[in-house]
Amino acid sequence: MVASRGYTLLELLVAFAIVGLVLASVPMVVATARPGPAARVAAEELAAALRLARSEAIGRYAPATLLLDVERRVYRDADGVEHALAEDLDFSFVTARSELTGDKAGQIRFFPDGSATGGRVTVTDGGQAYIVNVDWLTGIVDVER
């Protein structure tokens, strides 16, 4: 009878590689199983575009707008670049009546002093909703769940 003297280095490396692959795949499975991450990312990107519009209004000392089109599922930032939302996301917005450009389109305008027309954009993914708020007095943009 031969006594076992342990494992070889190669056996240990293979075992650790398998365990590492299993542990690395767990977060991806969990993230895709629950709704919301895509909505959160879209809301944060939209908030960044709104903050950019505010910065450009202040920096250029001229009004800057972000256009929202619910029907086409796009928004156009202050630089004129269109961004499309993912097909599985829904969004809606509230803005000043004077900023509506159609039944399902409108804009949020920022002024050189940093203030804005104000508004709220809601991005939803299944049961998860994220709200991007634009304060009319200060023009500050924040995201809440």
N, C-alpha and C. Protein backbone atom coordinates (compact mmCIF):
# COMPACT_ATOMS: atom_id res chain seq x y z
N MET A 1 0.83 -1.17 0.00
CA MET A 1 0.00 0.00 0.00
C MET A 1 0.88 1.25 0.00
N VAL A 2 0.57 2.19 -0.88
CA VAL A 2 1.36 3.40 -1.02
C VAL A 2 0.64 4.55 -0.31
N ALA A 3 1.38 5.27 0.48
CA ALA A 3 0.81 6.39 1.22
C ALA A 3 0.80 7.64 0.34
N SER A 4 -0.28 8.43 0.40
CA SER A 4 -0.38 9.67 -0.36
C SER A 4 0.51 10.73 0.27
N ARG A 5 1.27 11.43 -0.55
CA ARG A 5 2.19 12.44 -0.02
C ARG A 5 1.70 13.84 -0.33
N GLY A 6 0.43 14.04 -0.73
CA GLY A 6 -0.12 15.37 -0.99
C GLY A 6 -0.44 15.58 -2.45
N TYR A 7 -0.62 16.84 -2.84
CA TYR A 7 -0.99 17.19 -4.20
C TYR A 7 0.18 17.85 -4.89
N THR A 8 0.23 17.71 -6.19
CA THR A 8 1.28 18.38 -6.95
C THR A 8 0.88 19.83 -7.17
N LEU A 9 1.86 20.61 -7.53
CA LEU A 9 1.60 22.03 -7.79
C LEU A 9 0.62 22.20 -8.95
N LEU A 10 0.73 21.39 -9.96
CA LEU A 10 -0.16 21.46 -11.10
C LEU A 10 -1.61 21.17 -10.70
N GLU A 11 -1.82 20.19 -9.86
CA GLU A 11 -3.17 19.86 -9.39
C GLU A 11 -3.77 21.03 -8.60
N LEU A 12 -2.98 21.66 -7.77
CA LEU A 12 -3.45 22.82 -7.00
C LEU A 12 -3.81 23.99 -7.91
N LEU A 13 -2.98 24.26 -8.91
CA LEU A 13 -3.26 25.37 -9.83
C LEU A 13 -4.54 25.13 -10.61
N VAL A 14 -4.77 23.92 -11.07
CA VAL A 14 -5.99 23.60 -11.80
C VAL A 14 -7.21 23.78 -10.89
N ALA A 15 -7.12 23.30 -9.66
CA ALA A 15 -8.23 23.43 -8.72
C ALA A 15 -8.54 24.90 -8.44
N PHE A 16 -7.50 25.72 -8.22
CA PHE A 16 -7.72 27.15 -7.95
C PHE A 16 -8.29 27.86 -9.18
N ALA A 17 -7.88 27.46 -10.38
CA ALA A 17 -8.42 28.07 -11.60
C ALA A 17 -9.90 27.77 -11.74
N ILE A 18 -10.30 26.56 -11.44
CA ILE A 18 -11.73 26.19 -11.53
C ILE A 18 -12.54 26.97 -10.51
N VAL A 19 -12.06 27.04 -9.28
CA VAL A 19 -12.76 27.80 -8.24
C VAL A 19 -12.85 29.27 -8.62
N GLY A 20 -11.78 29.84 -9.19
CA GLY A 20 -11.78 31.24 -9.62
C GLY A 20 -12.80 31.51 -10.71
N LEU A 21 -12.91 30.62 -11.69
CA LEU A 21 -13.89 30.79 -12.75
C LEU A 21 -15.32 30.74 -12.22
N VAL A 22 -15.57 29.83 -11.30
CA VAL A 22 -16.91 29.72 -10.72
C VAL A 22 -17.25 30.99 -9.94
N LEU A 23 -16.32 31.47 -9.12
CA LEU A 23 -16.58 32.68 -8.33
C LEU A 23 -16.72 33.92 -9.21
N ALA A 24 -16.00 33.97 -10.31
CA ALA A 24 -16.09 35.12 -11.21
C ALA A 24 -17.42 35.16 -11.95
N SER A 25 -18.04 34.02 -12.19
CA SER A 25 -19.30 34.00 -12.94
C SER A 25 -20.52 34.28 -12.07
N VAL A 26 -20.41 34.15 -10.77
CA VAL A 26 -21.56 34.35 -9.88
C VAL A 26 -22.10 35.78 -9.95
N PRO A 27 -21.28 36.85 -9.87
CA PRO A 27 -21.85 38.21 -9.96
C PRO A 27 -22.56 38.49 -11.27
N MET A 28 -22.06 37.94 -12.38
CA MET A 28 -22.71 38.17 -13.67
C MET A 28 -24.09 37.53 -13.71
N VAL A 29 -24.22 36.35 -13.15
CA VAL A 29 -25.51 35.66 -13.14
C VAL A 29 -26.49 36.41 -12.25
N VAL A 30 -26.03 36.88 -11.10
CA VAL A 30 -26.91 37.61 -10.18
C VAL A 30 -27.34 38.94 -10.78
N ALA A 31 -26.42 39.65 -11.44
CA ALA A 31 -26.74 40.96 -12.01
C ALA A 31 -27.75 40.86 -13.14
N THR A 32 -27.66 39.83 -13.97
CA THR A 32 -28.61 39.70 -15.07
C THR A 32 -29.94 39.14 -14.63
N ALA A 33 -29.99 38.52 -13.46
CA ALA A 33 -31.23 37.92 -12.99
C ALA A 33 -32.19 38.95 -12.41
N ARG A 34 -31.69 40.03 -11.87
CA ARG A 34 -32.59 41.01 -11.26
C ARG A 34 -32.71 42.25 -12.15
N PRO A 35 -33.89 42.84 -12.21
CA PRO A 35 -34.08 44.02 -13.05
C PRO A 35 -33.48 45.25 -12.40
N GLY A 36 -33.16 46.24 -13.20
CA GLY A 36 -32.73 47.50 -12.64
C GLY A 36 -31.37 48.01 -13.05
N PRO A 37 -30.35 47.16 -13.22
CA PRO A 37 -29.03 47.72 -13.54
C PRO A 37 -29.02 48.54 -14.82
N ALA A 38 -29.73 48.11 -15.85
CA ALA A 38 -29.75 48.87 -17.10
C ALA A 38 -30.44 50.21 -16.90
N ALA A 39 -31.49 50.23 -16.10
CA ALA A 39 -32.19 51.49 -15.82
C ALA A 39 -31.30 52.44 -15.03
N ARG A 40 -30.55 51.90 -14.08
CA ARG A 40 -29.65 52.74 -13.28
C ARG A 40 -28.58 53.36 -14.16
N VAL A 41 -27.99 52.54 -15.03
CA VAL A 41 -26.94 53.04 -15.93
C VAL A 41 -27.51 54.11 -16.86
N ALA A 42 -28.68 53.87 -17.43
CA ALA A 42 -29.30 54.86 -18.33
C ALA A 42 -29.61 56.15 -17.58
N ALA A 43 -30.11 56.05 -16.35
CA ALA A 43 -30.42 57.24 -15.56
C ALA A 43 -29.15 58.03 -15.24
N GLU A 44 -28.07 57.33 -14.92
CA GLU A 44 -26.81 58.02 -14.62
C GLU A 44 -26.24 58.69 -15.86
N GLU A 45 -26.36 58.04 -17.03
CA GLU A 45 -25.89 58.66 -18.28
C GLU A 45 -26.72 59.88 -18.63
N LEU A 46 -28.01 59.80 -18.42
CA LEU A 46 -28.89 60.94 -18.67
C LEU A 46 -28.56 62.09 -17.72
N ALA A 47 -28.31 61.76 -16.46
CA ALA A 47 -27.93 62.79 -15.49
C ALA A 47 -26.62 63.45 -15.88
N ALA A 48 -25.67 62.66 -16.38
CA ALA A 48 -24.39 63.23 -16.82
C ALA A 48 -24.60 64.18 -18.00
N ALA A 49 -25.49 63.81 -18.93
CA ALA A 49 -25.78 64.68 -20.07
C ALA A 49 -26.44 65.98 -19.61
N LEU A 50 -27.31 65.89 -18.62
CA LEU A 50 -27.94 67.10 -18.08
C LEU A 50 -26.91 67.98 -17.37
N ARG A 51 -26.02 67.38 -16.62
CA ARG A 51 -24.96 68.16 -15.94
C ARG A 51 -24.05 68.84 -16.96
N LEU A 52 -23.77 68.14 -18.05
CA LEU A 52 -22.96 68.72 -19.12
C LEU A 52 -23.66 69.93 -19.73
N ALA A 53 -24.96 69.81 -19.96
CA ALA A 53 -25.72 70.94 -20.51
C ALA A 53 -25.67 72.14 -19.58
N ARG A 54 -25.79 71.89 -18.28
CA ARG A 54 -25.72 72.98 -17.30
C ARG A 54 -24.34 73.63 -17.34
N SER A 55 -23.29 72.81 -17.39
CA SER A 55 -21.93 73.34 -17.43
C SER A 55 -21.69 74.16 -18.69
N GLU A 56 -22.22 73.70 -19.81
CA GLU A 56 -22.05 74.44 -21.05
C GLU A 56 -22.81 75.76 -21.03
N ALA A 57 -23.98 75.78 -20.42
CA ALA A 57 -24.73 77.04 -20.32
C ALA A 57 -23.95 78.05 -19.50
N ILE A 58 -23.37 77.60 -18.42
CA ILE A 58 -22.59 78.50 -17.56
C ILE A 58 -21.31 78.92 -18.27
N GLY A 59 -20.60 77.94 -18.87
CA GLY A 59 -19.32 78.23 -19.51
C GLY A 59 -19.43 79.10 -20.74
N ARG A 60 -20.44 78.91 -21.54
CA ARG A 60 -20.62 79.70 -22.77
C ARG A 60 -21.45 80.95 -22.55
N TYR A 61 -22.01 81.07 -21.37
CA TYR A 61 -22.91 82.16 -21.01
C TYR A 61 -24.02 82.30 -22.05
N ALA A 62 -24.63 81.13 -22.35
CA ALA A 62 -25.75 81.06 -23.29
C ALA A 62 -26.60 79.86 -22.89
N PRO A 63 -27.91 79.93 -23.09
CA PRO A 63 -28.75 78.78 -22.73
C PRO A 63 -28.34 77.51 -23.46
N ALA A 64 -28.51 76.39 -22.77
CA ALA A 64 -28.23 75.07 -23.36
C ALA A 64 -29.39 74.16 -23.02
N THR A 65 -29.74 73.28 -23.95
CA THR A 65 -30.89 72.41 -23.74
C THR A 65 -30.54 70.95 -23.93
N LEU A 66 -31.34 70.10 -23.31
CA LEU A 66 -31.29 68.67 -23.54
C LEU A 66 -32.68 68.28 -24.02
N LEU A 67 -32.76 67.74 -25.24
CA LEU A 67 -34.04 67.39 -25.85
C LEU A 67 -34.37 65.94 -25.53
N LEU A 68 -35.63 65.67 -25.14
CA LEU A 68 -36.11 64.33 -24.83
C LEU A 68 -37.24 63.98 -25.79
N ASP A 69 -37.15 62.81 -26.42
CA ASP A 69 -38.19 62.35 -27.33
C ASP A 69 -38.62 60.95 -26.91
N VAL A 70 -39.76 60.85 -26.24
CA VAL A 70 -40.25 59.57 -25.72
C VAL A 70 -40.64 58.64 -26.85
N GLU A 71 -41.26 59.17 -27.89
CA GLU A 71 -41.73 58.34 -28.99
C GLU A 71 -40.56 57.65 -29.72
N ARG A 72 -39.50 58.39 -29.97
CA ARG A 72 -38.33 57.83 -30.65
C ARG A 72 -37.36 57.16 -29.68
N ARG A 73 -37.59 57.33 -28.38
CA ARG A 73 -36.77 56.72 -27.32
C ARG A 73 -35.32 57.23 -27.36
N VAL A 74 -35.16 58.53 -27.57
CA VAL A 74 -33.83 59.14 -27.64
C VAL A 74 -33.81 60.44 -26.85
N TYR A 75 -32.60 60.86 -26.52
CA TYR A 75 -32.40 62.21 -26.01
C TYR A 75 -31.18 62.79 -26.71
N ARG A 76 -31.21 64.10 -26.94
CA ARG A 76 -30.13 64.80 -27.62
C ARG A 76 -29.47 65.73 -26.62
N ASP A 77 -28.15 65.54 -26.42
CA ASP A 77 -27.45 66.36 -25.43
C ASP A 77 -27.15 67.75 -25.97
N ALA A 78 -26.51 68.57 -25.17
CA ALA A 78 -26.24 69.96 -25.52
C ALA A 78 -25.31 70.09 -26.72
N ASP A 79 -24.51 69.04 -27.00
CA ASP A 79 -23.62 69.06 -28.16
C ASP A 79 -24.31 68.60 -29.43
N GLY A 80 -25.59 68.21 -29.33
CA GLY A 80 -26.34 67.75 -30.48
C GLY A 80 -26.21 66.27 -30.78
N VAL A 81 -25.58 65.52 -29.89
CA VAL A 81 -25.40 64.08 -30.09
C VAL A 81 -26.63 63.35 -29.56
N GLU A 82 -27.21 62.47 -30.39
CA GLU A 82 -28.38 61.70 -29.97
C GLU A 82 -27.95 60.41 -29.28
N HIS A 83 -28.65 60.09 -28.21
CA HIS A 83 -28.41 58.87 -27.45
C HIS A 83 -29.72 58.10 -27.39
N ALA A 84 -29.68 56.82 -27.79
CA ALA A 84 -30.88 55.98 -27.77
C ALA A 84 -30.92 55.17 -26.49
N LEU A 85 -32.12 54.97 -25.96
CA LEU A 85 -32.29 54.11 -24.81
C LEU A 85 -32.47 52.67 -25.26
N ALA A 86 -32.08 51.75 -24.42
CA ALA A 86 -32.22 50.32 -24.73
C ALA A 86 -33.70 49.99 -24.92
N GLU A 87 -33.98 48.99 -25.74
CA GLU A 87 -35.35 48.61 -26.07
C GLU A 87 -36.16 48.18 -24.85
N ASP A 88 -35.51 47.58 -23.85
CA ASP A 88 -36.24 47.08 -22.70
C ASP A 88 -36.48 48.14 -21.63
N LEU A 89 -36.06 49.37 -21.89
CA LEU A 89 -36.26 50.46 -20.93
C LEU A 89 -37.40 51.36 -21.38
N ASP A 90 -38.11 51.91 -20.42
CA ASP A 90 -39.13 52.92 -20.69
C ASP A 90 -38.72 54.20 -19.99
N PHE A 91 -39.09 55.34 -20.56
CA PHE A 91 -38.84 56.58 -19.86
C PHE A 91 -39.94 57.58 -20.14
N SER A 92 -40.12 58.45 -19.18
CA SER A 92 -41.10 59.52 -19.29
C SER A 92 -40.48 60.76 -18.66
N PHE A 93 -41.05 61.92 -18.93
CA PHE A 93 -40.49 63.13 -18.35
C PHE A 93 -41.58 64.15 -18.07
N VAL A 94 -41.24 65.05 -17.19
CA VAL A 94 -42.08 66.20 -16.85
C VAL A 94 -41.19 67.43 -17.00
N THR A 95 -41.68 68.42 -17.70
CA THR A 95 -40.92 69.65 -17.87
C THR A 95 -41.89 70.82 -17.94
N ALA A 96 -41.37 72.02 -18.01
CA ALA A 96 -42.21 73.21 -18.10
C ALA A 96 -43.02 73.17 -19.40
N ARG A 97 -44.24 73.63 -19.35
CA ARG A 97 -45.11 73.63 -20.52
C ARG A 97 -44.46 74.37 -21.70
N SER A 98 -43.75 75.44 -21.40
CA SER A 98 -43.10 76.21 -22.47
C SER A 98 -41.99 75.44 -23.17
N GLU A 99 -41.52 74.35 -22.57
CA GLU A 99 -40.42 73.57 -23.14
C GLU A 99 -40.90 72.34 -23.91
N LEU A 100 -42.22 72.13 -23.99
CA LEU A 100 -42.74 71.01 -24.77
C LEU A 100 -42.62 71.32 -26.25
N THR A 101 -42.13 70.34 -27.02
CA THR A 101 -41.98 70.54 -28.46
C THR A 101 -42.90 69.62 -29.25
N GLY A 102 -43.75 68.89 -28.57
CA GLY A 102 -44.69 67.97 -29.21
C GLY A 102 -45.43 67.20 -28.13
N ASP A 103 -46.25 66.24 -28.57
CA ASP A 103 -47.01 65.44 -27.60
C ASP A 103 -46.10 64.61 -26.71
N LYS A 104 -45.04 64.08 -27.29
CA LYS A 104 -44.16 63.19 -26.54
C LYS A 104 -42.71 63.64 -26.62
N ALA A 105 -42.49 64.92 -26.75
CA ALA A 105 -41.13 65.46 -26.84
C ALA A 105 -41.07 66.80 -26.12
N GLY A 106 -39.93 67.08 -25.59
CA GLY A 106 -39.72 68.34 -24.88
C GLY A 106 -38.26 68.49 -24.53
N GLN A 107 -37.96 69.54 -23.81
CA GLN A 107 -36.57 69.79 -23.44
C GLN A 107 -36.47 70.36 -22.05
N ILE A 108 -35.29 70.24 -21.51
CA ILE A 108 -34.96 70.89 -20.25
C ILE A 108 -33.88 71.91 -20.59
N ARG A 109 -34.14 73.16 -20.26
CA ARG A 109 -33.24 74.25 -20.63
C ARG A 109 -32.49 74.74 -19.39
N PHE A 110 -31.18 74.96 -19.59
CA PHE A 110 -30.34 75.52 -18.54
C PHE A 110 -29.93 76.93 -18.95
N PHE A 111 -29.86 77.83 -17.99
CA PHE A 111 -29.55 79.22 -18.24
C PHE A 111 -28.13 79.55 -17.77
N PRO A 112 -27.55 80.65 -18.25
CA PRO A 112 -26.17 81.00 -17.91
C PRO A 112 -25.89 81.16 -16.41
N ASP A 113 -26.92 81.46 -15.63
CA ASP A 113 -26.69 81.59 -14.18
C ASP A 113 -26.75 80.24 -13.46
N GLY A 114 -26.93 79.15 -14.21
CA GLY A 114 -26.97 77.82 -13.61
C GLY A 114 -28.37 77.31 -13.34
N SER A 115 -29.36 78.17 -13.36
CA SER A 115 -30.73 77.74 -13.11
C SER A 115 -31.26 77.00 -14.34
N ALA A 116 -32.46 76.45 -14.21
CA ALA A 116 -33.03 75.66 -15.30
C ALA A 116 -34.54 75.81 -15.33
N THR A 117 -35.15 75.27 -16.37
CA THR A 117 -36.61 75.22 -16.41
C THR A 117 -37.11 74.12 -15.47
N GLY A 118 -36.21 73.26 -15.05
CA GLY A 118 -36.57 72.19 -14.13
C GLY A 118 -37.22 71.02 -14.85
N GLY A 119 -37.32 69.94 -14.14
CA GLY A 119 -37.98 68.79 -14.72
C GLY A 119 -37.61 67.50 -14.02
N ARG A 120 -38.21 66.44 -14.50
CA ARG A 120 -37.97 65.12 -13.92
C ARG A 120 -38.08 64.09 -15.04
N VAL A 121 -37.09 63.19 -15.11
CA VAL A 121 -37.10 62.11 -16.09
C VAL A 121 -37.10 60.80 -15.31
N THR A 122 -38.04 59.91 -15.64
CA THR A 122 -38.14 58.62 -14.97
C THR A 122 -37.75 57.53 -15.96
N VAL A 123 -36.78 56.71 -15.56
CA VAL A 123 -36.33 55.58 -16.38
C VAL A 123 -36.71 54.31 -15.64
N THR A 124 -37.43 53.41 -16.32
CA THR A 124 -37.89 52.18 -15.67
C THR A 124 -37.44 50.95 -16.44
N ASP A 125 -37.20 49.90 -15.67
CA ASP A 125 -36.79 48.60 -16.21
C ASP A 125 -37.51 47.55 -15.39
N GLY A 126 -38.62 47.06 -15.89
CA GLY A 126 -39.40 46.11 -15.08
C GLY A 126 -40.00 46.83 -13.89
N GLY A 127 -39.73 46.37 -12.70
CA GLY A 127 -40.26 46.99 -11.50
C GLY A 127 -39.37 48.06 -10.92
N GLN A 128 -38.20 48.27 -11.47
CA GLN A 128 -37.22 49.22 -10.93
C GLN A 128 -37.34 50.56 -11.64
N ALA A 129 -37.41 51.64 -10.89
CA ALA A 129 -37.51 52.98 -11.48
C ALA A 129 -36.45 53.89 -10.88
N TYR A 130 -35.84 54.69 -11.73
CA TYR A 130 -34.87 55.70 -11.30
C TYR A 130 -35.35 57.04 -11.81
N ILE A 131 -35.28 58.04 -10.95
CA ILE A 131 -35.78 59.37 -11.27
C ILE A 131 -34.62 60.35 -11.30
N VAL A 132 -34.49 61.07 -12.41
CA VAL A 132 -33.48 62.10 -12.57
C VAL A 132 -34.18 63.44 -12.37
N ASN A 133 -33.84 64.14 -11.32
CA ASN A 133 -34.47 65.43 -10.99
C ASN A 133 -33.55 66.58 -11.39
N VAL A 134 -34.16 67.63 -11.94
CA VAL A 134 -33.45 68.87 -12.23
C VAL A 134 -34.15 69.98 -11.46
N ASP A 135 -33.46 70.54 -10.50
CA ASP A 135 -34.03 71.62 -9.69
C ASP A 135 -34.08 72.89 -10.53
N TRP A 136 -35.23 73.54 -10.57
CA TRP A 136 -35.39 74.73 -11.43
C TRP A 136 -34.59 75.92 -10.92
N LEU A 137 -34.45 76.06 -9.60
CA LEU A 137 -33.78 77.22 -9.05
C LEU A 137 -32.27 77.13 -9.18
N THR A 138 -31.71 75.98 -8.82
CA THR A 138 -30.25 75.83 -8.83
C THR A 138 -29.73 75.11 -10.07
N GLY A 139 -30.59 74.37 -10.77
CA GLY A 139 -30.15 73.59 -11.92
C GLY A 139 -29.41 72.33 -11.54
N ILE A 140 -29.36 72.00 -10.25
CA ILE A 140 -28.64 70.82 -9.80
C ILE A 140 -29.40 69.56 -10.22
N VAL A 141 -28.64 68.58 -10.71
CA VAL A 141 -29.20 67.32 -11.20
C VAL A 141 -28.85 66.22 -10.20
N ASP A 142 -29.86 65.43 -9.81
CA ASP A 142 -29.60 64.27 -8.95
C ASP A 142 -30.44 63.09 -9.39
N VAL A 143 -29.98 61.90 -9.01
CA VAL A 143 -30.67 60.66 -9.37
C VAL A 143 -31.12 60.00 -8.08
N GLU A 144 -32.40 59.57 -8.05
CA GLU A 144 -32.92 58.85 -6.91
C GLU A 144 -33.61 57.59 -7.37
N ARG A 145 -33.69 56.64 -6.49
CA ARG A 145 -34.32 55.37 -6.82
C ARG A 145 -35.71 55.32 -6.28
